[in-house]
Amino acid sequence: MKYRSKPVVADLVVFSPAAVSVLTATYPGLTLTLRHDGSATVFNALHGSQIKLREGDFINVTTPGDYYPIKAHVVAERYEPIEASVEA
């Protein structure tokens, strides 16, 4: 028998070096460290690791502590925007 996974609603934000202070203020558990080359690292508490971000990458902030980047082309292929009033 085949199964299809249920749709998941993800809260994604776009990373940019200029937005580090706004992102960390908006998402209290999000720890971003800006690097000299304009990239950053995000701390994923669930896995205890630092993950590199580049400008334009999206950050999945759906689960506090389990932050991880998603490349823009992957978001374009696999995700579609929904109205803010739609709940999962």
N, C-alpha and C. Protein backbone atom coordinates (compact mmCIF):
# COMPACT_ATOMS: atom_id res chain seq x y z
N MET A 1 0.84 -1.17 0.00
CA MET A 1 0.00 0.00 0.00
C MET A 1 0.89 1.24 0.00
N LYS A 2 0.47 2.25 -0.74
CA LYS A 2 1.23 3.49 -0.80
C LYS A 2 0.59 4.52 0.11
N TYR A 3 1.45 5.39 0.65
CA TYR A 3 0.98 6.48 1.51
C TYR A 3 1.56 7.79 1.03
N ARG A 4 0.80 8.83 1.22
CA ARG A 4 1.27 10.18 0.90
C ARG A 4 1.37 10.92 2.24
N SER A 5 2.47 11.61 2.46
CA SER A 5 2.61 12.34 3.71
C SER A 5 1.66 13.54 3.72
N LYS A 6 1.21 13.88 4.91
CA LYS A 6 0.31 15.03 5.07
C LYS A 6 1.08 16.31 4.81
N PRO A 7 0.41 17.33 4.30
CA PRO A 7 1.09 18.62 4.11
C PRO A 7 1.56 19.19 5.44
N VAL A 8 2.73 19.76 5.42
CA VAL A 8 3.31 20.37 6.61
C VAL A 8 3.40 21.88 6.37
N VAL A 9 2.98 22.65 7.34
CA VAL A 9 3.10 24.10 7.25
C VAL A 9 4.40 24.49 7.92
N ALA A 10 5.28 25.12 7.18
CA ALA A 10 6.59 25.51 7.70
C ALA A 10 6.68 27.02 7.80
N ASP A 11 7.28 27.49 8.87
CA ASP A 11 7.54 28.92 9.05
C ASP A 11 8.96 29.17 8.56
N LEU A 12 9.10 29.78 7.39
CA LEU A 12 10.41 30.02 6.78
C LEU A 12 10.69 31.52 6.74
N VAL A 13 11.92 31.89 7.07
CA VAL A 13 12.35 33.28 6.95
C VAL A 13 13.61 33.33 6.11
N VAL A 14 13.79 34.41 5.37
CA VAL A 14 14.96 34.56 4.51
C VAL A 14 16.09 35.20 5.30
N PHE A 15 17.29 34.61 5.18
CA PHE A 15 18.46 35.16 5.86
C PHE A 15 19.12 36.24 5.02
N SER A 16 19.50 37.31 5.68
CA SER A 16 20.37 38.31 5.09
C SER A 16 21.22 38.85 6.23
N PRO A 17 22.49 39.19 5.96
CA PRO A 17 23.36 39.69 7.02
C PRO A 17 22.77 40.91 7.73
N ALA A 18 22.05 41.75 7.00
CA ALA A 18 21.47 42.96 7.60
C ALA A 18 20.32 42.64 8.55
N ALA A 19 19.76 41.46 8.46
CA ALA A 19 18.58 41.10 9.26
C ALA A 19 18.89 40.28 10.50
N VAL A 20 20.16 40.06 10.82
CA VAL A 20 20.52 39.20 11.94
C VAL A 20 19.86 39.66 13.24
N SER A 21 19.96 40.94 13.58
CA SER A 21 19.39 41.41 14.85
C SER A 21 17.87 41.30 14.86
N VAL A 22 17.23 41.54 13.73
CA VAL A 22 15.77 41.42 13.65
C VAL A 22 15.35 39.97 13.81
N LEU A 23 16.04 39.06 13.12
CA LEU A 23 15.70 37.64 13.20
C LEU A 23 15.87 37.09 14.62
N THR A 24 16.98 37.43 15.26
CA THR A 24 17.22 36.90 16.62
C THR A 24 16.26 37.51 17.63
N ALA A 25 15.80 38.73 17.39
CA ALA A 25 14.81 39.35 18.29
C ALA A 25 13.43 38.73 18.07
N THR A 26 13.11 38.39 16.83
CA THR A 26 11.81 37.83 16.49
C THR A 26 11.68 36.38 16.94
N TYR A 27 12.76 35.63 16.84
CA TYR A 27 12.76 34.21 17.20
C TYR A 27 13.76 34.01 18.34
N PRO A 28 13.29 34.09 19.61
CA PRO A 28 14.17 34.11 20.78
C PRO A 28 15.19 32.98 20.89
N GLY A 29 14.91 31.78 20.42
CA GLY A 29 15.88 30.69 20.53
C GLY A 29 16.87 30.62 19.38
N LEU A 30 16.69 31.49 18.39
CA LEU A 30 17.52 31.46 17.19
C LEU A 30 18.86 32.13 17.46
N THR A 31 19.95 31.39 17.30
CA THR A 31 21.29 31.93 17.52
C THR A 31 22.03 31.97 16.19
N LEU A 32 22.22 33.19 15.67
CA LEU A 32 22.94 33.39 14.42
C LEU A 32 24.26 34.06 14.73
N THR A 33 25.33 33.57 14.12
CA THR A 33 26.64 34.17 14.27
C THR A 33 27.10 34.63 12.90
N LEU A 34 27.26 35.94 12.76
CA LEU A 34 27.68 36.51 11.48
C LEU A 34 29.18 36.26 11.27
N ARG A 35 29.55 35.87 10.05
CA ARG A 35 30.95 35.59 9.72
C ARG A 35 31.51 36.71 8.86
N HIS A 36 32.84 36.78 8.76
CA HIS A 36 33.51 37.85 8.02
C HIS A 36 33.17 37.88 6.53
N ASP A 37 32.77 36.76 5.96
CA ASP A 37 32.47 36.70 4.52
C ASP A 37 31.01 37.01 4.20
N GLY A 38 30.22 37.44 5.20
CA GLY A 38 28.81 37.78 4.98
C GLY A 38 27.87 36.61 5.20
N SER A 39 28.43 35.43 5.38
CA SER A 39 27.59 34.28 5.69
C SER A 39 27.36 34.28 7.20
N ALA A 40 26.67 33.30 7.69
CA ALA A 40 26.43 33.18 9.12
C ALA A 40 26.32 31.71 9.46
N THR A 41 26.32 31.42 10.74
CA THR A 41 26.00 30.07 11.18
C THR A 41 24.78 30.17 12.08
N VAL A 42 23.94 29.16 12.03
CA VAL A 42 22.78 29.06 12.90
C VAL A 42 23.01 27.83 13.78
N PHE A 43 22.72 27.98 15.07
CA PHE A 43 22.91 26.86 15.99
C PHE A 43 21.64 26.03 16.02
N ASN A 44 21.77 24.74 15.71
CA ASN A 44 20.67 23.80 15.77
C ASN A 44 20.80 23.04 17.08
N ALA A 45 19.99 23.43 18.08
CA ALA A 45 20.08 22.85 19.42
C ALA A 45 19.71 21.37 19.43
N LEU A 46 18.77 20.98 18.57
CA LEU A 46 18.34 19.59 18.53
C LEU A 46 19.51 18.66 18.20
N HIS A 47 20.37 19.09 17.28
CA HIS A 47 21.50 18.27 16.86
C HIS A 47 22.83 18.77 17.44
N GLY A 48 22.81 19.89 18.16
CA GLY A 48 24.02 20.42 18.79
C GLY A 48 25.08 20.81 17.78
N SER A 49 24.66 21.42 16.68
CA SER A 49 25.64 21.75 15.65
C SER A 49 25.40 23.14 15.07
N GLN A 50 26.46 23.70 14.50
CA GLN A 50 26.40 24.98 13.79
C GLN A 50 26.22 24.66 12.31
N ILE A 51 25.30 25.34 11.66
CA ILE A 51 25.04 25.10 10.25
C ILE A 51 25.21 26.41 9.50
N LYS A 52 25.94 26.39 8.39
CA LYS A 52 26.26 27.61 7.65
C LYS A 52 25.09 28.09 6.80
N LEU A 53 24.90 29.41 6.79
CA LEU A 53 23.88 30.08 5.97
C LEU A 53 24.54 31.05 5.03
N ARG A 54 23.97 31.22 3.87
CA ARG A 54 24.40 32.26 2.94
C ARG A 54 23.20 33.16 2.68
N GLU A 55 23.48 34.39 2.27
CA GLU A 55 22.40 35.32 1.99
C GLU A 55 21.43 34.71 0.98
N GLY A 56 20.13 34.83 1.26
CA GLY A 56 19.11 34.27 0.39
C GLY A 56 18.63 32.90 0.81
N ASP A 57 19.39 32.20 1.69
CA ASP A 57 18.92 30.93 2.23
C ASP A 57 17.71 31.20 3.12
N PHE A 58 16.84 30.24 3.20
CA PHE A 58 15.70 30.33 4.12
C PHE A 58 16.07 29.58 5.39
N ILE A 59 15.50 30.00 6.50
CA ILE A 59 15.68 29.29 7.77
C ILE A 59 14.32 28.75 8.18
N ASN A 60 14.26 27.45 8.45
CA ASN A 60 13.04 26.85 8.96
C ASN A 60 13.00 27.13 10.46
N VAL A 61 12.01 27.89 10.90
CA VAL A 61 11.89 28.25 12.32
C VAL A 61 10.62 27.65 12.93
N THR A 62 10.09 26.61 12.31
CA THR A 62 8.85 26.00 12.75
C THR A 62 8.97 25.38 14.13
N THR A 63 10.06 24.69 14.40
CA THR A 63 10.25 24.02 15.68
C THR A 63 11.37 24.71 16.44
N PRO A 64 11.06 25.35 17.57
CA PRO A 64 12.10 26.05 18.33
C PRO A 64 13.27 25.12 18.67
N GLY A 65 14.48 25.59 18.41
CA GLY A 65 15.68 24.81 18.67
C GLY A 65 16.13 23.97 17.51
N ASP A 66 15.21 23.65 16.60
CA ASP A 66 15.56 22.82 15.44
C ASP A 66 15.58 23.70 14.19
N TYR A 67 16.43 24.73 14.23
CA TYR A 67 16.55 25.65 13.11
C TYR A 67 17.52 25.09 12.08
N TYR A 68 17.14 25.18 10.81
CA TYR A 68 18.06 24.73 9.78
C TYR A 68 17.80 25.48 8.48
N PRO A 69 18.84 25.64 7.67
CA PRO A 69 18.68 26.37 6.42
C PRO A 69 18.13 25.50 5.30
N ILE A 70 17.45 26.17 4.38
CA ILE A 70 16.95 25.53 3.17
C ILE A 70 17.32 26.46 2.01
N LYS A 71 17.97 25.94 1.02
CA LYS A 71 18.36 26.75 -0.15
C LYS A 71 17.11 27.27 -0.87
N ALA A 72 17.24 28.46 -1.46
CA ALA A 72 16.11 29.11 -2.13
C ALA A 72 15.52 28.25 -3.24
N HIS A 73 16.35 27.56 -4.01
CA HIS A 73 15.82 26.74 -5.10
C HIS A 73 15.00 25.56 -4.57
N VAL A 74 15.35 25.05 -3.39
CA VAL A 74 14.58 23.97 -2.78
C VAL A 74 13.22 24.50 -2.31
N VAL A 75 13.21 25.68 -1.72
CA VAL A 75 11.94 26.30 -1.31
C VAL A 75 11.05 26.49 -2.54
N ALA A 76 11.62 26.99 -3.63
CA ALA A 76 10.84 27.22 -4.84
C ALA A 76 10.25 25.92 -5.41
N GLU A 77 10.99 24.81 -5.29
CA GLU A 77 10.53 23.53 -5.82
C GLU A 77 9.52 22.84 -4.92
N ARG A 78 9.68 22.96 -3.59
CA ARG A 78 8.90 22.14 -2.67
C ARG A 78 7.87 22.86 -1.82
N TYR A 79 7.92 24.17 -1.78
CA TYR A 79 7.03 24.92 -0.90
C TYR A 79 6.20 25.91 -1.72
N GLU A 80 5.04 26.25 -1.20
CA GLU A 80 4.23 27.30 -1.81
C GLU A 80 3.71 28.17 -0.68
N PRO A 81 3.62 29.47 -0.91
CA PRO A 81 3.12 30.36 0.14
C PRO A 81 1.65 30.07 0.44
N ILE A 82 1.27 30.26 1.69
CA ILE A 82 -0.14 30.13 2.09
C ILE A 82 -0.57 31.42 2.78
N GLU A 83 -1.85 31.62 2.87
CA GLU A 83 -2.37 32.78 3.57
C GLU A 83 -2.01 32.67 5.04
N ALA A 84 -1.72 33.78 5.68
CA ALA A 84 -1.33 33.80 7.08
C ALA A 84 -2.42 33.26 8.00
N SER A 85 -3.67 33.33 7.58
CA SER A 85 -4.77 32.89 8.42
C SER A 85 -4.99 31.37 8.39
N VAL A 86 -4.32 30.66 7.48
CA VAL A 86 -4.48 29.21 7.36
C VAL A 86 -3.69 28.54 8.47
N GLU A 87 -4.31 27.65 9.20
CA GLU A 87 -3.65 26.89 10.25
C GLU A 87 -3.51 25.44 9.83
N ALA A 88 -2.44 24.82 10.28
CA ALA A 88 -2.21 23.41 9.94
C ALA A 88 -3.04 22.52 10.84
